């Protein structure tokens, strides 16, 4: 028996926004970055969606969430490494 019957219930995620005929979802944060198979990826939190997913830079480049992530973790892989003189990917 489940102690809290509401514990397993989840609300519906917010619907995507349509921009130029394409569905777009809101990024709520970036948790990590890595190079996987020679490609940069960011662990991306999506507003209203679980779990976070590894995404290519094109989904998070230029977003405030990515800027905040790199301010907190300047040593992590990112698109500005060549400019800043950090590790090359």
PDB file of N, CA and C in Angstrom:
ATOM      1  N   UNK A   1       0.839  -1.173   0.000  1.00  0.00           N
ATOM      2  CA  UNK A   1       0.000   0.000   0.000  1.00  0.00           C
ATOM      3  C   UNK A   1       0.894   1.250   0.000  1.00  0.00           C
ATOM      4  N   UNK A   2       0.515   2.241  -0.753  1.00  0.00           N
ATOM      5  CA  UNK A   2       1.275   3.475  -0.849  1.00  0.00           C
ATOM      6  C   UNK A   2       0.898   4.372   0.320  1.00  0.00           C
ATOM      7  N   UNK A   3       1.911   4.877   1.038  1.00  0.00           N
ATOM      8  CA  UNK A   3       1.655   5.719   2.201  1.00  0.00           C
ATOM      9  C   UNK A   3       0.982   7.038   1.809  1.00  0.00           C
ATOM     10  N   UNK A   4       1.402   7.611   0.697  1.00  0.00           N
ATOM     11  CA  UNK A   4       0.824   8.871   0.229  1.00  0.00           C
ATOM     12  C   UNK A   4       0.269   8.634  -1.169  1.00  0.00           C
ATOM     13  N   UNK A   5      -1.053   8.538  -1.326  1.00  0.00           N
ATOM     14  CA  UNK A   5      -1.614   8.226  -2.633  1.00  0.00           C
ATOM     15  C   UNK A   5      -1.311   9.276  -3.702  1.00  0.00           C
ATOM     16  N   UNK A   6      -0.920  10.480  -3.306  1.00  0.00           N
ATOM     17  CA  UNK A   6      -0.621  11.523  -4.277  1.00  0.00           C
ATOM     18  C   UNK A   6       0.849  11.559  -4.675  1.00  0.00           C
ATOM     19  N   UNK A   7       1.667  10.774  -4.011  1.00  0.00           N
ATOM     20  CA  UNK A   7       3.106  10.809  -4.263  1.00  0.00           C
ATOM     21  C   UNK A   7       3.449  10.409  -5.697  1.00  0.00           C
ATOM     22  N   UNK A   8       2.704   9.502  -6.289  1.00  0.00           N
ATOM     23  CA  UNK A   8       2.994   9.024  -7.634  1.00  0.00           C
ATOM     24  C   UNK A   8       2.332   9.863  -8.721  1.00  0.00           C
ATOM     25  N   UNK A   9       1.513  10.812  -8.347  1.00  0.00           N
ATOM     26  CA  UNK A   9       0.827  11.626  -9.338  1.00  0.00           C
ATOM     27  C   UNK A   9       1.713  12.785  -9.770  1.00  0.00           C
ATOM     28  N   UNK A  10       1.690  13.059 -11.046  1.00  0.00           N
ATOM     29  CA  UNK A  10       2.454  14.154 -11.610  1.00  0.00           C
ATOM     30  C   UNK A  10       1.520  15.011 -12.446  1.00  0.00           C
ATOM     31  N   UNK A  11       1.711  16.307 -12.387  1.00  0.00           N
ATOM     32  CA  UNK A  11       0.920  17.203 -13.214  1.00  0.00           C
ATOM     33  C   UNK A  11       1.343  17.106 -14.665  1.00  0.00           C
ATOM     34  N   UNK A  12       0.504  17.556 -15.555  1.00  0.00           N
ATOM     35  CA  UNK A  12       0.830  17.566 -16.974  1.00  0.00           C
ATOM     36  C   UNK A  12       1.909  18.617 -17.241  1.00  0.00           C
ATOM     37  N   UNK A  13       2.898  18.285 -18.070  1.00  0.00           N
ATOM     38  CA  UNK A  13       3.914  19.290 -18.399  1.00  0.00           C
ATOM     39  C   UNK A  13       3.291  20.404 -19.221  1.00  0.00           C
ATOM     40  N   UNK A  14       3.895  21.590 -19.187  1.00  0.00           N
ATOM     41  CA  UNK A  14       3.351  22.674 -19.993  1.00  0.00           C
ATOM     42  C   UNK A  14       3.466  22.323 -21.473  1.00  0.00           C
ATOM     43  N   UNK A  15       2.524  22.766 -22.272  1.00  0.00           N
ATOM     44  CA  UNK A  15       2.594  22.446 -23.699  1.00  0.00           C
ATOM     45  C   UNK A  15       3.725  23.220 -24.363  1.00  0.00           C
ATOM     46  N   UNK A  16       4.233  22.699 -25.489  1.00  0.00           N
ATOM     47  CA  UNK A  16       5.277  23.430 -26.200  1.00  0.00           C
ATOM     48  C   UNK A  16       4.711  24.709 -26.805  1.00  0.00           C
ATOM     49  N   UNK A  17       5.596  25.638 -27.073  1.00  0.00           N
ATOM     50  CA  UNK A  17       5.232  26.883 -27.724  1.00  0.00           C
ATOM     51  C   UNK A  17       5.588  26.734 -29.197  1.00  0.00           C
ATOM     52  N   UNK A  18       4.725  27.199 -30.088  1.00  0.00           N
ATOM     53  CA  UNK A  18       5.028  27.105 -31.509  1.00  0.00           C
ATOM     54  C   UNK A  18       5.727  28.382 -31.966  1.00  0.00           C
ATOM     55  N   UNK A  19       6.916  28.208 -32.552  1.00  0.00           N
ATOM     56  CA  UNK A  19       7.704  29.324 -33.066  1.00  0.00           C
ATOM     57  C   UNK A  19       8.105  28.985 -34.493  1.00  0.00           C
ATOM     58  N   UNK A  20       7.726  29.817 -35.428  1.00  0.00           N
ATOM     59  CA  UNK A  20       8.029  29.593 -36.845  1.00  0.00           C
ATOM     60  C   UNK A  20       7.618  28.197 -37.306  1.00  0.00           C
ATOM     61  N   UNK A  21       6.457  27.747 -36.847  1.00  0.00           N
ATOM     62  CA  UNK A  21       5.932  26.455 -37.268  1.00  0.00           C
ATOM     63  C   UNK A  21       6.553  25.255 -36.592  1.00  0.00           C
ATOM     64  N   UNK A  22       7.444  25.467 -35.615  1.00  0.00           N
ATOM     65  CA  UNK A  22       8.083  24.365 -34.888  1.00  0.00           C
ATOM     66  C   UNK A  22       7.726  24.437 -33.418  1.00  0.00           C
ATOM     67  N   UNK A  23       7.588  23.267 -32.785  1.00  0.00           N
ATOM     68  CA  UNK A  23       7.326  23.226 -31.349  1.00  0.00           C
ATOM     69  C   UNK A  23       8.614  23.484 -30.581  1.00  0.00           C
ATOM     70  N   UNK A  24       8.550  24.357 -29.598  1.00  0.00           N
ATOM     71  CA  UNK A  24       9.706  24.681 -28.758  1.00  0.00           C
ATOM     72  C   UNK A  24       9.331  24.458 -27.298  1.00  0.00           C
ATOM     73  N   UNK A  25      10.291  23.939 -26.524  1.00  0.00           N
ATOM     74  CA  UNK A  25      10.086  23.714 -25.098  1.00  0.00           C
ATOM     75  C   UNK A  25      10.999  24.645 -24.318  1.00  0.00           C
ATOM     76  N   UNK A  26      10.602  24.981 -23.097  1.00  0.00           N
ATOM     77  CA  UNK A  26      11.373  25.905 -22.271  1.00  0.00           C
ATOM     78  C   UNK A  26      12.449  25.158 -21.487  1.00  0.00           C
ATOM     79  N   UNK A  27      13.668  25.664 -21.568  1.00  0.00           N
ATOM     80  CA  UNK A  27      14.783  25.118 -20.791  1.00  0.00           C
ATOM     81  C   UNK A  27      14.748  25.769 -19.421  1.00  0.00           C
ATOM     82  N   UNK A  28      14.739  24.952 -18.364  1.00  0.00           N
ATOM     83  CA  UNK A  28      14.734  25.521 -17.019  1.00  0.00           C
ATOM     84  C   UNK A  28      16.117  25.510 -16.383  1.00  0.00           C
ATOM     85  N   UNK A  29      17.065  24.812 -16.985  1.00  0.00           N
ATOM     86  CA  UNK A  29      18.415  24.813 -16.446  1.00  0.00           C
ATOM     87  C   UNK A  29      19.331  23.870 -17.191  1.00  0.00           C
ATOM     88  N   UNK A  30      20.631  24.075 -17.002  1.00  0.00           N
ATOM     89  CA  UNK A  30      21.663  23.180 -17.527  1.00  0.00           C
ATOM     90  C   UNK A  30      22.409  22.649 -16.318  1.00  0.00           C
ATOM     91  N   UNK A  31      22.522  21.331 -16.204  1.00  0.00           N
ATOM     92  CA  UNK A  31      23.108  20.691 -15.031  1.00  0.00           C
ATOM     93  C   UNK A  31      24.548  20.236 -15.227  1.00  0.00           C
ATOM     94  N   UNK A  32      24.948  19.939 -16.461  1.00  0.00           N
ATOM     95  CA  UNK A  32      26.290  19.391 -16.690  1.00  0.00           C
ATOM     96  C   UNK A  32      26.612  19.519 -18.174  1.00  0.00           C
ATOM     97  N   UNK A  33      27.861  19.278 -18.513  1.00  0.00           N
ATOM     98  CA  UNK A  33      28.269  19.213 -19.917  1.00  0.00           C
ATOM     99  C   UNK A  33      29.294  18.106 -20.053  1.00  0.00           C
ATOM    100  N   UNK A  34      29.397  17.572 -21.277  1.00  0.00           N
ATOM    101  CA  UNK A  34      30.335  16.489 -21.537  1.00  0.00           C
ATOM    102  C   UNK A  34      30.639  16.451 -23.034  1.00  0.00           C
ATOM    103  N   UNK A  35      31.688  15.735 -23.373  1.00  0.00           N
ATOM    104  CA  UNK A  35      31.970  15.426 -24.759  1.00  0.00           C
ATOM    105  C   UNK A  35      31.686  13.933 -24.906  1.00  0.00           C
ATOM    106  N   UNK A  36      30.729  13.608 -25.754  1.00  0.00           N
ATOM    107  CA  UNK A  36      30.313  12.231 -25.981  1.00  0.00           C
ATOM    108  C   UNK A  36      30.445  11.947 -27.467  1.00  0.00           C
ATOM    109  N   UNK A  37      31.251  10.946 -27.808  1.00  0.00           N
ATOM    110  CA  UNK A  37      31.517  10.598 -29.207  1.00  0.00           C
ATOM    111  C   UNK A  37      31.978  11.820 -29.994  1.00  0.00           C
ATOM    112  N   UNK A  38      32.879  12.561 -29.372  1.00  0.00           N
ATOM    113  CA  UNK A  38      33.507  13.739 -29.962  1.00  0.00           C
ATOM    114  C   UNK A  38      32.526  14.891 -30.218  1.00  0.00           C
ATOM    115  N   UNK A  39      31.379  14.895 -29.523  1.00  0.00           N
ATOM    116  CA  UNK A  39      30.388  15.949 -29.672  1.00  0.00           C
ATOM    117  C   UNK A  39      30.058  16.533 -28.296  1.00  0.00           C
ATOM    118  N   UNK A  40      30.001  17.862 -28.208  1.00  0.00           N
ATOM    119  CA  UNK A  40      29.622  18.531 -26.968  1.00  0.00           C
ATOM    120  C   UNK A  40      28.143  18.304 -26.692  1.00  0.00           C
ATOM    121  N   UNK A  41      27.815  17.993 -25.446  1.00  0.00           N
ATOM    122  CA  UNK A  41      26.425  17.824 -25.018  1.00  0.00           C
ATOM    123  C   UNK A  41      26.226  18.519 -23.681  1.00  0.00           C
ATOM    124  N   UNK A  42      25.001  18.980 -23.436  1.00  0.00           N
ATOM    125  CA  UNK A  42      24.633  19.604 -22.168  1.00  0.00           C
ATOM    126  C   UNK A  42      23.481  18.817 -21.555  1.00  0.00           C
ATOM    127  N   UNK A  43      23.577  18.543 -20.244  1.00  0.00           N
ATOM    128  CA  UNK A  43      22.493  17.883 -19.530  1.00  0.00           C
ATOM    129  C   UNK A  43      21.447  18.955 -19.241  1.00  0.00           C
ATOM    130  N   UNK A  44      20.334  18.893 -19.954  1.00  0.00           N
ATOM    131  CA  UNK A  44      19.352  19.964 -20.006  1.00  0.00           C
ATOM    132  C   UNK A  44      18.093  19.601 -19.227  1.00  0.00           C
ATOM    133  N   UNK A  45      17.686  20.532 -18.343  1.00  0.00           N
ATOM    134  CA  UNK A  45      16.419  20.393 -17.619  1.00  0.00           C
ATOM    135  C   UNK A  45      15.355  21.144 -18.408  1.00  0.00           C
ATOM    136  N   UNK A  46      14.245  20.474 -18.697  1.00  0.00           N
ATOM    137  CA  UNK A  46      13.153  21.077 -19.448  1.00  0.00           C
ATOM    138  C   UNK A  46      12.023  21.412 -18.483  1.00  0.00           C
ATOM    139  N   UNK A  47      11.445  22.592 -18.607  1.00  0.00           N
ATOM    140  CA  UNK A  47      10.355  23.024 -17.729  1.00  0.00           C
ATOM    141  C   UNK A  47       9.200  22.030 -17.812  1.00  0.00           C
ATOM    142  N   UNK A  48       8.873  21.417 -16.671  1.00  0.00           N
ATOM    143  CA  UNK A  48       7.749  20.501 -16.591  1.00  0.00           C
ATOM    144  C   UNK A  48       8.004  19.096 -17.085  1.00  0.00           C
ATOM    145  N   UNK A  49       9.248  18.767 -17.442  1.00  0.00           N
ATOM    146  CA  UNK A  49       9.559  17.437 -17.967  1.00  0.00           C
ATOM    147  C   UNK A  49      10.669  16.803 -17.154  1.00  0.00           C
ATOM    148  N   UNK A  50      10.542  15.515 -16.865  1.00  0.00           N
ATOM    149  CA  UNK A  50      11.562  14.719 -16.204  1.00  0.00           C
ATOM    150  C   UNK A  50      11.852  13.521 -17.071  1.00  0.00           C
ATOM    151  N   UNK A  51      12.992  12.978 -17.031  1.00  0.00           N
ATOM    152  CA  UNK A  51      14.241  13.442 -16.446  1.00  0.00           C
ATOM    153  C   UNK A  51      14.962  14.400 -17.397  1.00  0.00           C
ATOM    154  N   UNK A  52      16.076  15.004 -16.951  1.00  0.00           N
ATOM    155  CA  UNK A  52      16.858  15.842 -17.858  1.00  0.00           C
ATOM    156  C   UNK A  52      17.449  14.983 -18.980  1.00  0.00           C
ATOM    157  N   UNK A  53      17.779  15.611 -20.100  1.00  0.00           N
ATOM    158  CA  UNK A  53      18.309  14.883 -21.247  1.00  0.00           C
ATOM    159  C   UNK A  53      19.603  15.528 -21.735  1.00  0.00           C
ATOM    160  N   UNK A  54      20.466  14.709 -22.333  1.00  0.00           N
ATOM    161  CA  UNK A  54      21.701  15.207 -22.939  1.00  0.00           C
ATOM    162  C   UNK A  54      21.371  15.744 -24.317  1.00  0.00           C
ATOM    163  N   UNK A  55      21.686  17.009 -24.564  1.00  0.00           N
ATOM    164  CA  UNK A  55      21.319  17.673 -25.809  1.00  0.00           C
ATOM    165  C   UNK A  55      22.537  18.337 -26.453  1.00  0.00           C
ATOM    166  N   UNK A  56      22.524  18.450 -27.797  1.00  0.00           N
ATOM    167  CA  UNK A  56      23.609  19.171 -28.478  1.00  0.00           C
ATOM    168  C   UNK A  56      23.499  20.667 -28.212  1.00  0.00           C
ATOM    169  N   UNK A  57      24.582  21.401 -28.426  1.00  0.00           N
ATOM    170  CA  UNK A  57      24.592  22.837 -28.135  1.00  0.00           C
ATOM    171  C   UNK A  57      23.497  23.636 -28.835  1.00  0.00           C
ATOM    172  N   UNK A  58      23.053  23.208 -30.004  1.00  0.00           N
ATOM    173  CA  UNK A  58      22.068  24.006 -30.740  1.00  0.00           C
ATOM    174  C   UNK A  58      20.781  24.229 -29.949  1.00  0.00           C
ATOM    175  N   UNK A  59      20.502  23.381 -28.952  1.00  0.00           N
ATOM    176  CA  UNK A  59      19.287  23.545 -28.156  1.00  0.00           C
ATOM    177  C   UNK A  59      19.456  24.501 -26.983  1.00  0.00           C
ATOM    178  N   UNK A  60      20.695  24.799 -26.592  1.00  0.00           N
ATOM    179  CA  UNK A  60      20.898  25.656 -25.416  1.00  0.00           C
ATOM    180  C   UNK A  60      21.810  26.855 -25.652  1.00  0.00           C
ATOM    181  N   UNK A  61      22.491  26.903 -26.792  1.00  0.00           N
ATOM    182  CA  UNK A  61      23.388  28.035 -27.063  1.00  0.00           C
ATOM    183  C   UNK A  61      22.634  29.357 -26.980  1.00  0.00           C
ATOM    184  N   UNK A  62      23.236  30.313 -26.310  1.00  0.00           N
ATOM    185  CA  UNK A  62      22.659  31.642 -26.196  1.00  0.00           C
ATOM    186  C   UNK A  62      21.625  31.794 -25.094  1.00  0.00           C
ATOM    187  N   UNK A  63      21.305  30.723 -24.383  1.00  0.00           N
ATOM    188  CA  UNK A  63      20.301  30.807 -23.318  1.00  0.00           C
ATOM    189  C   UNK A  63      20.935  31.229 -21.998  1.00  0.00           C
ATOM    190  N   UNK A  64      20.166  31.921 -21.191  1.00  0.00           N
ATOM    191  CA  UNK A  64      20.622  32.358 -19.876  1.00  0.00           C
ATOM    192  C   UNK A  64      21.012  31.159 -19.006  1.00  0.00           C
ATOM    193  N   UNK A  65      20.292  30.051 -19.131  1.00  0.00           N
ATOM    194  CA  UNK A  65      20.594  28.860 -18.327  1.00  0.00           C
ATOM    195  C   UNK A  65      22.012  28.360 -18.592  1.00  0.00           C
ATOM    196  N   UNK A  66      22.459  28.423 -19.846  1.00  0.00           N
ATOM    197  CA  UNK A  66      23.814  27.978 -20.179  1.00  0.00           C
ATOM    198  C   UNK A  66      24.850  28.948 -19.623  1.00  0.00           C
ATOM    199  N   UNK A  67      24.563  30.224 -19.711  1.00  0.00           N
ATOM    200  CA  UNK A  67      25.470  31.235 -19.168  1.00  0.00           C
ATOM    201  C   UNK A  67      25.626  31.051 -17.654  1.00  0.00           C
ATOM    202  N   UNK A  68      24.520  30.826 -16.954  1.00  0.00           N
ATOM    203  CA  UNK A  68      24.566  30.616 -15.499  1.00  0.00           C
ATOM    204  C   UNK A  68      25.357  29.362 -15.161  1.00  0.00           C
ATOM    205  N   UNK A  69      25.161  28.291 -15.942  1.00  0.00           N
ATOM    206  CA  UNK A  69      25.888  27.045 -15.711  1.00  0.00           C
ATOM    207  C   UNK A  69      27.391  27.281 -15.792  1.00  0.00           C
ATOM    208  N   UNK A  70      27.840  27.991 -16.846  1.00  0.00           N
ATOM    209  CA  UNK A  70      29.271  28.209 -17.022  1.00  0.00           C
ATOM    210  C   UNK A  70      29.834  29.233 -16.036  1.00  0.00           C
ATOM    211  N   UNK A  71      29.007  30.097 -15.493  1.00  0.00           N
ATOM    212  CA  UNK A  71      29.476  30.988 -14.430  1.00  0.00           C
ATOM    213  C   UNK A  71      29.742  30.186 -13.165  1.00  0.00           C
ATOM    214  N   UNK A  72      28.900  29.200 -12.908  1.00  0.00           N
ATOM    215  CA  UNK A  72      29.079  28.350 -11.714  1.00  0.00           C
ATOM    216  C   UNK A  72      30.175  27.303 -11.910  1.00  0.00           C
ATOM    217  N   UNK A  73      30.341  26.808 -13.122  1.00  0.00           N
ATOM    218  CA  UNK A  73      31.292  25.739 -13.424  1.00  0.00           C
ATOM    219  C   UNK A  73      32.155  26.129 -14.629  1.00  0.00           C
ATOM    220  N   UNK A  74      33.062  27.078 -14.465  1.00  0.00           N
ATOM    221  CA  UNK A  74      33.851  27.563 -15.602  1.00  0.00           C
ATOM    222  C   UNK A  74      34.787  26.517 -16.213  1.00  0.00           C
ATOM    223  N   UNK A  75      35.092  25.466 -15.480  1.00  0.00           N
ATOM    224  CA  UNK A  75      35.984  24.432 -16.003  1.00  0.00           C
ATOM    225  C   UNK A  75      35.299  23.385 -16.852  1.00  0.00           C
ATOM    226  N   UNK A  76      33.979  23.407 -16.933  1.00  0.00           N
ATOM    227  CA  UNK A  76      33.237  22.411 -17.711  1.00  0.00           C
ATOM    228  C   UNK A  76      33.319  22.724 -19.202  1.00  0.00           C
ATOM    229  N   UNK A  77      33.138  21.702 -20.017  1.00  0.00           N
ATOM    230  CA  UNK A  77      33.162  21.872 -21.467  1.00  0.00           C
ATOM    231  C   UNK A  77      32.064  22.839 -21.898  1.00  0.00           C
ATOM    232  N   UNK A  78      32.389  23.680 -22.874  1.00  0.00           N
ATOM    233  CA  UNK A  78      31.409  24.626 -23.365  1.00  0.00           C
ATOM    234  C   UNK A  78      31.836  25.266 -24.669  1.00  0.00           C
ATOM    235  N   UNK A  79      30.922  25.992 -25.297  1.00  0.00           N
ATOM    236  CA  UNK A  79      31.200  26.573 -26.616  1.00  0.00           C
ATOM    237  C   UNK A  79      32.210  27.709 -26.594  1.00  0.00           C
ATOM    238  N   UNK A  80      32.492  28.317 -25.443  1.00  0.00           N
ATOM    239  CA  UNK A  80      33.402  29.445 -25.390  1.00  0.00           C
ATOM    240  C   UNK A  80      34.837  29.050 -25.037  1.00  0.00           C
ATOM    241  N   UNK A  81      35.116  27.765 -24.949  1.00  0.00           N
ATOM    242  CA  UNK A  81      36.438  27.316 -24.512  1.00  0.00           C
ATOM    243  C   UNK A  81      37.558  27.817 -25.413  1.00  0.00           C
ATOM    244  N   UNK A  82      37.335  27.843 -26.725  1.00  0.00           N
ATOM    245  CA  UNK A  82      38.384  28.299 -27.645  1.00  0.00           C
ATOM    246  C   UNK A  82      38.688  29.769 -27.421  1.00  0.00           C
ATOM    247  N   UNK A  83      37.664  30.554 -27.168  1.00  0.00           N
ATOM    248  CA  UNK A  83      37.842  31.989 -26.949  1.00  0.00           C
ATOM    249  C   UNK A  83      38.522  32.229 -25.605  1.00  0.00           C
ATOM    250  N   UNK A  84      38.122  31.486 -24.575  1.00  0.00           N
ATOM    251  CA  UNK A  84      38.635  31.694 -23.228  1.00  0.00           C
ATOM    252  C   UNK A  84      39.954  30.957 -22.965  1.00  0.00           C
ATOM    253  N   UNK A  85      40.379  30.106 -23.889  1.00  0.00           N
ATOM    254  CA  UNK A  85      41.637  29.392 -23.730  1.00  0.00           C
ATOM    255  C   UNK A  85      41.538  28.153 -22.874  1.00  0.00           C
ATOM    256  N   UNK A  86      40.337  27.617 -22.701  1.00  0.00           N
ATOM    257  CA  UNK A  86      40.132  26.413 -21.906  1.00  0.00           C
ATOM    258  C   UNK A  86      40.388  25.150 -22.719  1.00  0.00           C
ATOM    259  N   UNK A  87      39.944  24.000 -22.198  1.00  0.00           N
ATOM    260  CA  UNK A  87      40.151  22.725 -22.887  1.00  0.00           C
ATOM    261  C   UNK A  87      39.513  22.735 -24.280  1.00  0.00           C
ATOM    262  N   UNK A  88      40.179  22.146 -25.231  1.00  0.00           N
ATOM    263  CA  UNK A  88      39.640  22.055 -26.587  1.00  0.00           C
ATOM    264  C   UNK A  88      38.846  20.772 -26.738  1.00  0.00           C
ATOM    265  N   UNK A  89      37.769  20.837 -27.528  1.00  0.00           N
ATOM    266  CA  UNK A  89      36.988  19.619 -27.787  1.00  0.00           C
ATOM    267  C   UNK A  89      37.112  19.231 -29.234  1.00  0.00           C
TER     268      UNK A  89
END
